[in-house]
Amino acid sequence: MTAEPPAPPEPNDARPEVAGDAPAAEPHHVGHRDRLRQRFAQAGHAALADYELVELILFRSIPRRDVKPLAKALIARFGGLPEIAGASLERLMEVEGIGHATALDLRIVSAFNQRAVRAAVRGRDMISSSRELMQYLQADMAFLPREHFRILYLDNRNGLIRDEIQHAGTANFTPVTTREIIRRALELDAVSMVLCHNHPSGDVTPSMADIEKTQEILEMARAVQLRVHDHVIVGRGNAYSMRQESRLKSLFG
């Protein structure tokens, strides 16, 4: 009777060590995660490049893979951290290697940051410093891919009651309903408002439609004794105040 041949080793079986063999080289990224986390803990975010901050986020989503190339791919695709933070789930998932769960984690980090910025200004005087107002609006809107029309509803001390997106449109158009803006202000017992929308193109120059819509809102607001402090247009790294523009400031009285 012929003996059966020995069974082949399982695919995952390790090869027995042989005397004189050199130890198997570890992947180059082994230990990198701990070193990067330690550098962040000791020196803060200023000690890290932008792609390294993205790596720290990706560590949570992708536990067993070198994510440095993926972090760099995100920076290359979108241009920087603000653009990544403003990207939608669908656009993030267009990057090879970014699945739904990872894209969702990136969006959660962005939402956390936006919520923290809003909480920091709640109840504060939003009008006393135009610089702070511009920074607040730019933090949320500078890199959005579509136009959004946003209203800051304020109390009698210019404290923020509610910050709301009224409409989201296309890359260069947002439908705005004046009656809805005024109705919502009365519903919230707001005393005044700041209007804001973004220009995804980056050019913050107001169009004729922007000016006409602002005038329409101002007229209806005055009829119910609501004050409109400003209409701010936000672009990439820039913001435009209609109230501070010499040719338009007369609109605001």
Protein backbone atom coordinates (compact mmCIF):
# COMPACT_ATOMS: atom_id res chain seq x y z
CA MET A 1 0.00 0.00 0.00
CA THR A 2 1.48 3.35 -1.11
CA ALA A 3 1.83 5.99 1.62
CA GLU A 4 -0.05 9.21 1.06
CA PRO A 5 2.16 12.24 0.33
CA PRO A 6 2.36 14.80 3.15
CA ALA A 7 -0.26 17.57 3.04
CA PRO A 8 1.02 20.88 1.63
CA PRO A 9 1.48 23.65 4.19
CA GLU A 10 -1.39 26.10 4.73
CA PRO A 11 -0.93 29.36 2.82
CA ASN A 12 -0.51 31.35 6.04
CA ASP A 13 1.99 28.98 7.63
CA ALA A 14 5.25 30.68 8.50
CA ARG A 15 8.42 29.29 6.93
CA PRO A 16 10.58 27.59 9.60
CA GLU A 17 13.58 29.63 10.58
CA VAL A 18 16.87 28.30 9.34
CA ALA A 19 20.13 28.91 11.17
CA GLY A 20 21.85 31.90 9.61
CA ASP A 21 18.67 33.45 8.17
CA ALA A 22 18.45 37.23 8.56
CA PRO A 23 15.34 38.40 10.46
CA ALA A 24 12.50 39.45 8.15
CA ALA A 25 12.46 43.20 7.54
CA GLU A 26 9.55 44.99 9.14
CA PRO A 27 7.40 47.30 7.00
CA HIS A 28 8.89 50.79 7.00
CA HIS A 29 5.78 52.29 8.59
CA VAL A 30 5.88 50.05 11.68
CA GLY A 31 6.37 52.38 14.64
CA HIS A 32 5.64 55.46 12.52
CA ARG A 33 2.18 55.84 14.02
CA ASP A 34 3.47 55.89 17.59
CA ARG A 35 6.24 58.34 16.69
CA LEU A 36 3.80 60.68 14.96
CA ARG A 37 1.34 60.55 17.85
CA GLN A 38 4.16 61.22 20.30
CA ARG A 39 5.39 64.21 18.29
CA PHE A 40 1.88 65.64 18.24
CA ALA A 41 1.48 65.06 22.01
CA GLN A 42 4.79 66.73 22.84
CA ALA A 43 4.98 69.59 20.36
CA GLY A 44 1.40 70.14 19.17
CA HIS A 45 0.04 70.51 15.66
CA ALA A 46 2.56 73.21 14.68
CA ALA A 47 5.30 70.55 14.60
CA LEU A 48 3.45 68.51 11.97
CA ALA A 49 2.98 69.00 8.26
CA ASP A 50 -0.59 69.16 6.93
CA TYR A 51 -0.41 65.65 5.50
CA GLU A 52 0.73 64.34 8.89
CA LEU A 53 -2.39 65.75 10.56
CA VAL A 54 -4.44 63.95 7.92
CA GLU A 55 -2.48 60.79 8.72
CA LEU A 56 -3.46 61.06 12.40
CA ILE A 57 -7.13 61.07 11.41
CA LEU A 58 -6.68 58.20 8.96
CA PHE A 59 -4.98 56.09 11.65
CA ARG A 60 -8.37 55.73 13.34
CA SER A 61 -10.15 54.67 10.16
CA ILE A 62 -7.46 52.49 8.60
CA PRO A 63 -5.70 50.60 11.40
CA ARG A 64 -3.30 48.30 9.49
CA ARG A 65 -1.90 50.14 6.53
CA ASP A 66 0.64 52.81 5.63
CA VAL A 67 -1.65 55.83 5.18
CA LYS A 68 1.02 58.44 4.37
CA PRO A 69 0.53 58.06 0.57
CA LEU A 70 -3.22 58.36 1.06
CA ALA A 71 -2.87 61.50 3.20
CA LYS A 72 -0.64 63.07 0.55
CA ALA A 73 -3.10 62.06 -2.17
CA LEU A 74 -5.90 63.90 -0.33
CA ILE A 75 -3.77 67.04 -0.04
CA ALA A 76 -2.83 66.83 -3.72
CA ARG A 77 -6.43 66.27 -4.82
CA PHE A 78 -8.10 69.02 -2.79
CA GLY A 79 -5.27 71.48 -2.23
CA GLY A 80 -5.12 71.68 1.56
CA LEU A 81 -6.81 71.07 4.90
CA PRO A 82 -9.67 73.61 4.46
CA GLU A 83 -10.61 72.08 1.11
CA ILE A 84 -10.55 68.56 2.56
CA ALA A 85 -12.73 69.74 5.46
CA GLY A 86 -15.23 71.26 3.02
CA ALA A 87 -15.37 68.28 0.65
CA SER A 88 -18.50 66.15 0.54
CA LEU A 89 -18.60 62.42 1.21
CA GLU A 90 -18.95 61.76 -2.50
CA ARG A 91 -15.92 63.85 -3.47
CA LEU A 92 -13.76 62.35 -0.72
CA MET A 93 -14.64 58.85 -1.92
CA GLU A 94 -13.41 59.74 -5.41
CA VAL A 95 -9.86 59.45 -4.01
CA GLU A 96 -8.63 55.88 -4.46
CA GLY A 97 -8.37 54.19 -1.07
CA ILE A 98 -11.01 56.35 0.64
CA GLY A 99 -14.10 54.31 1.44
CA HIS A 100 -17.38 55.42 2.96
CA ALA A 101 -16.29 54.87 6.57
CA THR A 102 -13.06 56.84 6.13
CA ALA A 103 -14.82 59.68 4.31
CA LEU A 104 -17.40 59.78 7.08
CA ASP A 105 -14.66 60.08 9.72
CA LEU A 106 -13.17 63.05 7.87
CA ARG A 107 -16.59 64.71 7.70
CA ILE A 108 -17.12 64.10 11.45
CA VAL A 109 -13.83 65.87 12.27
CA SER A 110 -14.89 68.79 10.07
CA ALA A 111 -18.33 68.97 11.73
CA PHE A 112 -16.70 68.91 15.19
CA ASN A 113 -14.50 71.87 14.25
CA GLN A 114 -17.42 73.85 12.82
CA ARG A 115 -19.57 73.18 15.88
CA ALA A 116 -16.73 74.27 18.18
CA VAL A 117 -16.29 77.54 16.27
CA ARG A 118 -20.01 78.27 16.47
CA ALA A 119 -20.16 77.48 20.19
CA ALA A 120 -17.25 79.82 20.88
CA VAL A 121 -19.12 82.85 19.52
CA ARG A 122 -22.59 82.07 20.78
CA GLY A 123 -23.86 84.92 22.94
CA ARG A 124 -20.96 87.20 22.03
CA ASP A 125 -21.32 90.52 20.23
CA MET A 126 -20.98 89.52 16.58
CA ILE A 127 -20.82 93.07 15.25
CA SER A 128 -18.23 94.73 17.49
CA SER A 129 -15.35 93.22 15.52
CA SER A 130 -15.77 92.87 11.77
CA ARG A 131 -12.53 90.89 11.67
CA GLU A 132 -13.90 88.23 14.04
CA LEU A 133 -17.14 88.08 12.07
CA MET A 134 -15.25 87.52 8.81
CA GLN A 135 -13.07 84.82 10.39
CA TYR A 136 -16.13 83.08 11.79
CA LEU A 137 -17.85 82.98 8.41
CA GLN A 138 -14.74 82.01 6.48
CA ALA A 139 -14.08 79.07 8.82
CA ASP A 140 -17.30 77.44 7.62
CA MET A 141 -17.84 78.67 4.09
CA ALA A 142 -14.63 79.54 2.28
CA PHE A 143 -14.18 76.17 0.60
CA LEU A 144 -17.72 74.93 0.08
CA PRO A 145 -18.17 73.56 -3.46
CA ARG A 146 -21.68 75.04 -3.87
CA GLU A 147 -23.20 78.41 -3.03
CA HIS A 148 -24.89 78.59 0.37
CA PHE A 149 -26.99 81.49 1.62
CA ARG A 150 -26.65 81.86 5.36
CA ILE A 151 -28.31 84.08 7.96
CA LEU A 152 -27.00 85.05 11.38
CA TYR A 153 -30.01 86.04 13.51
CA LEU A 154 -29.03 88.37 16.37
CA ASP A 155 -30.58 89.64 19.61
CA ASN A 156 -30.66 93.24 20.90
CA ARG A 157 -27.02 92.93 22.06
CA ASN A 158 -25.88 91.56 18.70
CA GLY A 159 -25.49 88.13 20.28
CA LEU A 160 -26.04 85.14 18.04
CA ILE A 161 -29.49 83.57 18.40
CA ARG A 162 -29.29 81.20 15.45
CA ASP A 163 -26.94 80.58 12.55
CA GLU A 164 -28.81 78.94 9.67
CA ILE A 165 -28.26 77.94 6.07
CA GLN A 166 -31.38 79.06 4.27
CA HIS A 167 -30.55 77.61 0.86
CA ALA A 168 -27.83 75.61 -0.87
CA GLY A 169 -27.65 76.00 -4.61
CA THR A 170 -25.29 75.19 -7.47
CA ALA A 171 -21.70 76.24 -8.00
CA ASN A 172 -22.80 79.79 -8.87
CA PHE A 173 -26.45 80.23 -7.89
CA THR A 174 -28.46 80.02 -4.68
CA PRO A 175 -32.24 80.58 -4.62
CA VAL A 176 -33.12 82.96 -1.78
CA THR A 177 -36.65 83.56 -0.51
CA THR A 178 -36.91 86.98 1.12
CA ARG A 179 -40.21 86.26 2.84
CA GLU A 180 -38.76 83.11 4.42
CA ILE A 181 -35.81 85.09 5.81
CA ILE A 182 -38.10 87.69 7.41
CA ARG A 183 -40.56 85.07 8.67
CA ARG A 184 -37.77 83.15 10.35
CA ALA A 185 -36.37 86.31 11.99
CA LEU A 186 -39.76 87.13 13.50
CA GLU A 187 -40.19 83.54 14.63
CA LEU A 188 -36.86 83.73 16.51
CA ASP A 189 -37.59 87.20 17.95
CA ALA A 190 -34.44 88.46 16.26
CA VAL A 191 -33.68 92.17 16.31
CA SER A 192 -31.14 92.17 13.49
CA MET A 193 -29.41 89.95 10.94
CA VAL A 194 -26.22 89.44 9.00
CA LEU A 195 -26.59 87.99 5.51
CA CYS A 196 -23.84 85.86 4.04
CA HIS A 197 -23.19 83.71 1.03
CA ASN A 198 -20.12 82.17 -0.56
CA HIS A 199 -18.69 82.29 -4.06
CA PRO A 200 -17.03 78.91 -4.81
CA SER A 201 -15.12 80.57 -7.66
CA GLY A 202 -13.16 82.57 -5.08
CA ASP A 203 -14.10 85.95 -6.60
CA VAL A 204 -15.97 87.85 -3.87
CA THR A 205 -17.14 90.69 -6.11
CA PRO A 206 -20.94 91.01 -5.72
CA SER A 207 -22.99 90.41 -8.83
CA MET A 208 -25.87 92.67 -9.80
CA ALA A 209 -28.22 89.90 -8.63
CA ASP A 210 -26.45 89.91 -5.22
CA ILE A 211 -26.96 93.66 -4.88
CA GLU A 212 -30.60 93.58 -6.00
CA LYS A 213 -31.44 90.71 -3.63
CA THR A 214 -29.76 92.53 -0.75
CA GLN A 215 -31.81 95.65 -1.46
CA GLU A 216 -35.00 93.59 -1.56
CA ILE A 217 -34.23 91.99 1.82
CA LEU A 218 -33.31 95.37 3.35
CA GLU A 219 -36.60 96.94 2.26
CA MET A 220 -38.73 94.12 3.63
CA ALA A 221 -36.71 94.04 6.87
CA ARG A 222 -37.20 97.76 7.46
CA ALA A 223 -40.94 97.33 7.03
CA VAL A 224 -41.01 95.11 10.15
CA GLN A 225 -38.28 97.04 12.04
CA LEU A 226 -35.54 94.49 11.54
CA ARG A 227 -32.01 95.72 10.97
CA VAL A 228 -29.62 94.15 8.47
CA HIS A 229 -26.08 94.87 9.58
CA ASP A 230 -24.24 93.57 6.55
CA HIS A 231 -24.13 91.18 3.63
CA VAL A 232 -20.82 89.32 3.55
CA ILE A 233 -19.56 87.38 0.54
CA VAL A 234 -16.98 84.71 1.35
CA GLY A 235 -14.40 83.33 -1.05
CA ARG A 236 -11.21 81.31 -0.79
CA GLY A 237 -9.04 83.24 1.65
CA ASN A 238 -11.03 86.43 1.27
CA ALA A 239 -14.30 88.06 2.32
CA TYR A 240 -16.24 91.10 1.11
CA SER A 241 -18.44 93.34 3.23
CA MET A 242 -21.12 95.21 1.31
CA ARG A 243 -21.55 97.58 4.23
CA GLN A 244 -17.88 98.57 4.11
CA GLU A 245 -17.87 99.06 0.34
CA SER A 246 -18.17 102.79 -0.35
CA ARG A 247 -20.52 102.43 -3.31
CA LEU A 248 -22.87 100.08 -1.44
CA LYS A 249 -22.81 101.26 2.18
CA SER A 250 -25.69 103.68 1.50
CA LEU A 251 -27.95 100.65 1.05
CA PHE A 252 -27.66 99.94 4.77
CA GLY A 253 -28.52 103.48 5.87
